[in-house]
């Protein structure tokens, strides 16, 4: 859990401690009523939801996020209820209203994977490239690791596919834009060089989390394999 961005040590320790003391959380409402800490705020709760921590409790991520204020209010009322109970001479505990979320459209697979990559640095529930594997096999597109091993000579032609995981834009000496793009598949990652002529054909395609098929040639300049992109297609 400490690997999740926007989630501090205090709240993680409390969640683990409460789970060990009171047993597994039975529902999102159960979690919100048992975890009463100032670090369980909008930012940390969003991180837990987006990274899929409540998937096993049948919590749909987008629905919960759309009802985030209601969730925080439920948590706040739970905390207030416990304080009032502790201060009551008659040990009276006010009953919380049931947690009911307003239904929304569920998050699609691409959105969930984007959240996981953003908050965890890796894909958990799936990989964006998996559904394209039959097509890539049909087109004889090699995995990155295999392609590099079999085409490791300068200017060799090759075809690779992957998820864009990073984009760096620079200007050449003549003032033309070009990109250094990192793509990754299930086997390895590779830097792709996109010169201005190629970039001008589809400038809006080069965004993180897009899945692309690249035709290009290998460059072994400075001993590090890169691909100079000649053609690109979004999958």
Protein backbone atom coordinates (compact mmCIF):
# COMPACT_ATOMS: atom_id res chain seq x y z
CA UNK A 1 0.00 0.00 0.00
CA UNK A 2 2.92 2.32 0.58
CA UNK A 3 3.60 2.11 -3.15
CA UNK A 4 0.35 4.01 -3.82
CA UNK A 5 0.95 7.70 -4.48
CA UNK A 6 -0.84 10.21 -2.23
CA UNK A 7 -1.11 7.64 0.57
CA UNK A 8 0.90 8.39 3.70
CA UNK A 9 2.53 6.06 6.19
CA UNK A 10 0.12 6.98 8.99
CA UNK A 11 -3.05 5.99 7.17
CA UNK A 12 -1.50 2.79 5.80
CA UNK A 13 -0.38 1.74 9.29
CA UNK A 14 -3.83 2.46 10.70
CA UNK A 15 -5.59 0.44 7.97
CA UNK A 16 -3.32 -2.57 8.56
CA UNK A 17 -3.71 -2.29 12.34
CA UNK A 18 -7.50 -2.01 12.19
CA UNK A 19 -7.77 -4.93 9.79
CA UNK A 20 -5.65 -7.06 12.09
CA UNK A 21 -7.68 -6.05 15.14
CA UNK A 22 -11.21 -6.07 13.71
CA UNK A 23 -10.88 -8.50 10.82
CA UNK A 24 -11.31 -7.96 7.07
CA UNK A 25 -13.41 -5.02 5.96
CA UNK A 26 -16.83 -6.24 4.87
CA UNK A 27 -17.83 -3.26 2.75
CA UNK A 28 -16.85 0.30 1.86
CA UNK A 29 -19.19 1.53 4.59
CA UNK A 30 -17.49 -0.77 7.09
CA UNK A 31 -14.10 0.64 6.07
CA UNK A 32 -15.26 4.26 6.37
CA UNK A 33 -16.83 3.65 9.77
CA UNK A 34 -13.73 1.94 11.18
CA UNK A 35 -10.96 4.15 9.75
CA UNK A 36 -11.23 7.48 11.52
CA UNK A 37 -8.09 9.48 10.91
CA UNK A 38 -7.40 12.95 9.58
CA UNK A 39 -5.17 11.48 6.87
CA UNK A 40 -8.16 9.72 5.34
CA UNK A 41 -9.04 12.75 3.26
CA UNK A 42 -10.22 13.34 -0.28
CA UNK A 43 -6.77 12.89 -1.79
CA UNK A 44 -5.96 9.62 -0.01
CA UNK A 45 -9.44 8.16 -0.49
CA UNK A 46 -9.31 8.92 -4.22
CA UNK A 47 -5.94 7.15 -4.39
CA UNK A 48 -7.37 4.05 -2.69
CA UNK A 49 -10.37 4.00 -5.02
CA UNK A 50 -8.46 4.65 -8.26
CA UNK A 51 -5.81 2.02 -7.53
CA UNK A 52 -8.49 -0.64 -7.03
CA UNK A 53 -8.13 -1.24 -3.28
CA UNK A 54 -11.89 -1.70 -2.92
CA UNK A 55 -12.48 -3.83 -6.02
CA UNK A 56 -12.73 -6.97 -3.87
CA UNK A 57 -15.62 -5.34 -1.99
CA UNK A 58 -17.55 -4.89 -5.27
CA UNK A 59 -16.98 -1.15 -5.25
CA UNK A 60 -17.11 0.30 -8.77
CA UNK A 61 -14.31 2.85 -8.97
CA UNK A 62 -15.99 5.59 -11.03
CA UNK A 63 -19.24 5.39 -9.04
CA UNK A 64 -17.38 5.75 -5.75
CA UNK A 65 -15.29 8.64 -7.09
CA UNK A 66 -18.41 10.43 -8.30
CA UNK A 67 -19.80 10.11 -4.77
CA UNK A 68 -16.57 11.09 -3.01
CA UNK A 69 -18.13 13.92 -0.99
CA UNK A 70 -20.81 11.58 0.31
CA UNK A 71 -18.14 9.06 1.31
CA UNK A 72 -16.16 11.70 3.18
CA UNK A 73 -19.32 12.92 4.90
CA UNK A 74 -20.15 9.35 5.98
CA UNK A 75 -16.64 8.99 7.38
CA UNK A 76 -16.94 12.31 9.22
CA UNK A 77 -20.30 11.33 10.76
CA UNK A 78 -18.84 8.02 11.85
CA UNK A 79 -15.97 9.78 13.58
CA UNK A 80 -18.38 12.20 15.29
CA UNK A 81 -20.60 9.31 16.37
CA UNK A 82 -17.69 7.56 18.07
CA UNK A 83 -16.66 10.71 19.92
CA UNK A 84 -20.22 11.32 21.13
CA UNK A 85 -20.49 7.71 22.26
CA UNK A 86 -17.26 7.97 24.24
CA UNK A 87 -18.49 11.13 25.96
CA UNK A 88 -21.99 9.81 26.67
CA UNK A 89 -22.88 8.78 30.24
CA UNK A 90 -25.40 6.30 28.87
CA UNK A 91 -23.03 4.81 26.27
CA UNK A 92 -25.46 5.80 23.53
CA UNK A 93 -24.21 5.57 19.95
CA UNK A 94 -26.18 7.39 17.24
CA UNK A 95 -27.07 5.21 14.28
CA UNK A 96 -25.44 6.14 10.98
CA UNK A 97 -27.56 6.52 7.88
CA UNK A 98 -26.91 3.72 5.39
CA UNK A 99 -24.35 4.53 2.73
CA UNK A 100 -26.08 4.73 -0.65
CA UNK A 101 -24.21 5.83 -3.74
CA UNK A 102 -25.74 7.47 -6.77
CA UNK A 103 -25.12 5.12 -9.74
CA UNK A 104 -22.91 6.31 -12.59
CA UNK A 105 -21.40 4.81 -15.71
CA UNK A 106 -18.57 2.46 -14.69
CA UNK A 107 -14.97 3.32 -15.53
CA UNK A 108 -13.81 1.67 -18.73
CA UNK A 109 -10.77 -0.60 -18.82
CA UNK A 110 -8.46 2.05 -20.30
CA UNK A 111 -9.35 4.57 -17.58
CA UNK A 112 -8.74 2.05 -14.80
CA UNK A 113 -5.38 1.09 -16.26
CA UNK A 114 -4.44 4.77 -16.56
CA UNK A 115 -5.25 5.28 -12.87
CA UNK A 116 -3.18 2.23 -11.89
CA UNK A 117 -0.18 3.40 -13.89
CA UNK A 118 -0.48 6.91 -12.45
CA UNK A 119 -0.72 5.83 -8.82
CA UNK A 120 1.24 2.57 -8.75
CA UNK A 121 3.69 2.96 -11.59
CA UNK A 122 2.50 -0.29 -13.19
CA UNK A 123 -0.62 -2.00 -14.48
CA UNK A 124 -2.39 -4.35 -12.05
CA UNK A 125 -5.76 -5.50 -13.39
CA UNK A 126 -4.63 -5.92 -17.00
CA UNK A 127 -2.21 -4.55 -19.60
CA UNK A 128 -3.33 -2.25 -22.45
CA UNK A 129 -1.42 -4.33 -24.99
CA UNK A 130 -2.94 -7.72 -24.17
CA UNK A 131 -6.10 -7.35 -26.23
CA UNK A 132 -3.98 -6.49 -29.28
CA UNK A 133 -1.70 -9.54 -29.05
CA UNK A 134 -3.65 -11.67 -31.61
CA UNK A 135 -3.50 -8.81 -34.13
CA UNK A 136 0.22 -8.24 -33.50
CA UNK A 137 0.94 -11.95 -33.89
CA UNK A 138 -0.98 -11.99 -37.17
CA UNK A 139 1.06 -9.02 -38.42
CA UNK A 140 4.27 -10.69 -37.23
CA UNK A 141 5.13 -7.87 -34.84
CA UNK A 142 7.81 -9.08 -32.46
CA UNK A 143 7.93 -8.19 -28.76
CA UNK A 144 10.46 -5.44 -28.07
CA UNK A 145 12.98 -7.71 -26.37
CA UNK A 146 12.85 -10.26 -29.16
CA UNK A 147 13.03 -7.57 -31.87
CA UNK A 148 16.14 -6.04 -30.35
CA UNK A 149 17.86 -9.42 -30.05
CA UNK A 150 17.14 -10.37 -33.65
CA UNK A 151 17.74 -6.99 -35.33
CA UNK A 152 20.69 -5.67 -33.37
CA UNK A 153 22.46 -3.93 -36.25
CA UNK A 154 22.44 -0.24 -37.10
CA UNK A 155 19.72 0.90 -39.53
CA UNK A 156 17.93 -2.46 -39.38
CA UNK A 157 14.23 -2.21 -40.21
CA UNK A 158 11.86 -3.33 -37.48
CA UNK A 159 8.27 -3.18 -36.36
CA UNK A 160 7.35 -2.89 -32.67
CA UNK A 161 4.27 -2.08 -30.61
CA UNK A 162 3.84 -0.78 -27.10
CA UNK A 163 2.21 1.59 -24.65
CA UNK A 164 3.54 5.14 -24.59
CA UNK A 165 4.92 5.66 -21.08
CA UNK A 166 6.78 8.93 -21.56
CA UNK A 167 7.04 11.82 -24.04
CA UNK A 168 9.79 14.44 -24.17
CA UNK A 169 9.48 17.28 -26.67
CA UNK A 170 12.47 19.36 -27.80
CA UNK A 171 13.24 21.88 -30.52
CA UNK A 172 15.99 21.24 -33.05
CA UNK A 173 18.61 23.84 -34.00
CA UNK A 174 16.31 24.91 -36.82
CA UNK A 175 13.42 25.40 -34.40
CA UNK A 176 11.49 22.29 -35.46
CA UNK A 177 9.81 20.13 -32.82
CA UNK A 178 10.81 16.50 -32.31
CA UNK A 179 10.02 13.88 -29.69
CA UNK A 180 11.80 11.29 -27.63
CA UNK A 181 9.11 8.76 -26.76
CA UNK A 182 9.40 5.76 -24.46
CA UNK A 183 7.21 2.77 -25.28
CA UNK A 184 6.88 -0.46 -23.32
CA UNK A 185 5.32 -3.85 -23.92
CA UNK A 186 5.12 -6.99 -21.80
CA UNK A 187 8.80 -7.77 -22.33
CA UNK A 188 10.85 -4.55 -22.36
CA UNK A 189 10.88 -0.84 -23.16
CA UNK A 190 12.42 1.19 -25.96
CA UNK A 191 13.05 4.83 -26.84
CA UNK A 192 11.55 6.04 -30.11
CA UNK A 193 12.83 9.13 -31.93
CA UNK A 194 10.14 11.06 -33.78
CA UNK A 195 11.46 13.71 -36.17
CA UNK A 196 9.38 16.74 -37.15
CA UNK A 197 8.27 15.35 -40.54
CA UNK A 198 6.79 12.24 -38.92
CA UNK A 199 5.40 14.20 -35.99
CA UNK A 200 3.51 16.57 -38.30
CA UNK A 201 1.47 13.70 -39.76
CA UNK A 202 -0.26 12.85 -36.44
CA UNK A 203 0.88 15.21 -33.64
CA UNK A 204 -2.00 14.32 -31.29
CA UNK A 205 -1.27 10.60 -31.25
CA UNK A 206 1.85 10.90 -29.08
CA UNK A 207 0.26 10.85 -25.63
CA UNK A 208 0.99 8.73 -22.59
CA UNK A 209 -1.06 5.51 -22.31
CA UNK A 210 -1.79 5.38 -26.04
CA UNK A 211 -0.99 2.01 -27.66
CA UNK A 212 0.94 2.36 -30.90
CA UNK A 213 2.40 0.24 -33.70
CA UNK A 214 5.67 1.65 -35.03
CA UNK A 215 7.58 0.99 -38.24
CA UNK A 216 11.10 2.31 -38.13
CA UNK A 217 14.78 1.64 -38.20
CA UNK A 218 17.16 0.80 -35.43
CA UNK A 219 19.77 3.32 -34.33
CA UNK A 220 22.73 2.11 -32.28
CA UNK A 221 24.31 5.52 -31.83
CA UNK A 222 26.22 5.74 -28.53
CA UNK A 223 25.70 2.02 -28.08
CA UNK A 224 22.09 2.33 -26.90
CA UNK A 225 19.37 0.91 -29.17
CA UNK A 226 16.68 3.38 -30.23
CA UNK A 227 14.13 3.36 -33.02
CA UNK A 228 13.74 6.16 -35.52
CA UNK A 229 10.03 6.23 -36.32
CA UNK A 230 9.02 6.29 -39.98
CA UNK A 231 5.34 5.34 -39.59
CA UNK A 232 3.02 5.03 -36.63
CA UNK A 233 -0.49 3.71 -36.10
CA UNK A 234 -2.63 3.87 -32.99
CA UNK A 235 -4.08 0.52 -31.92
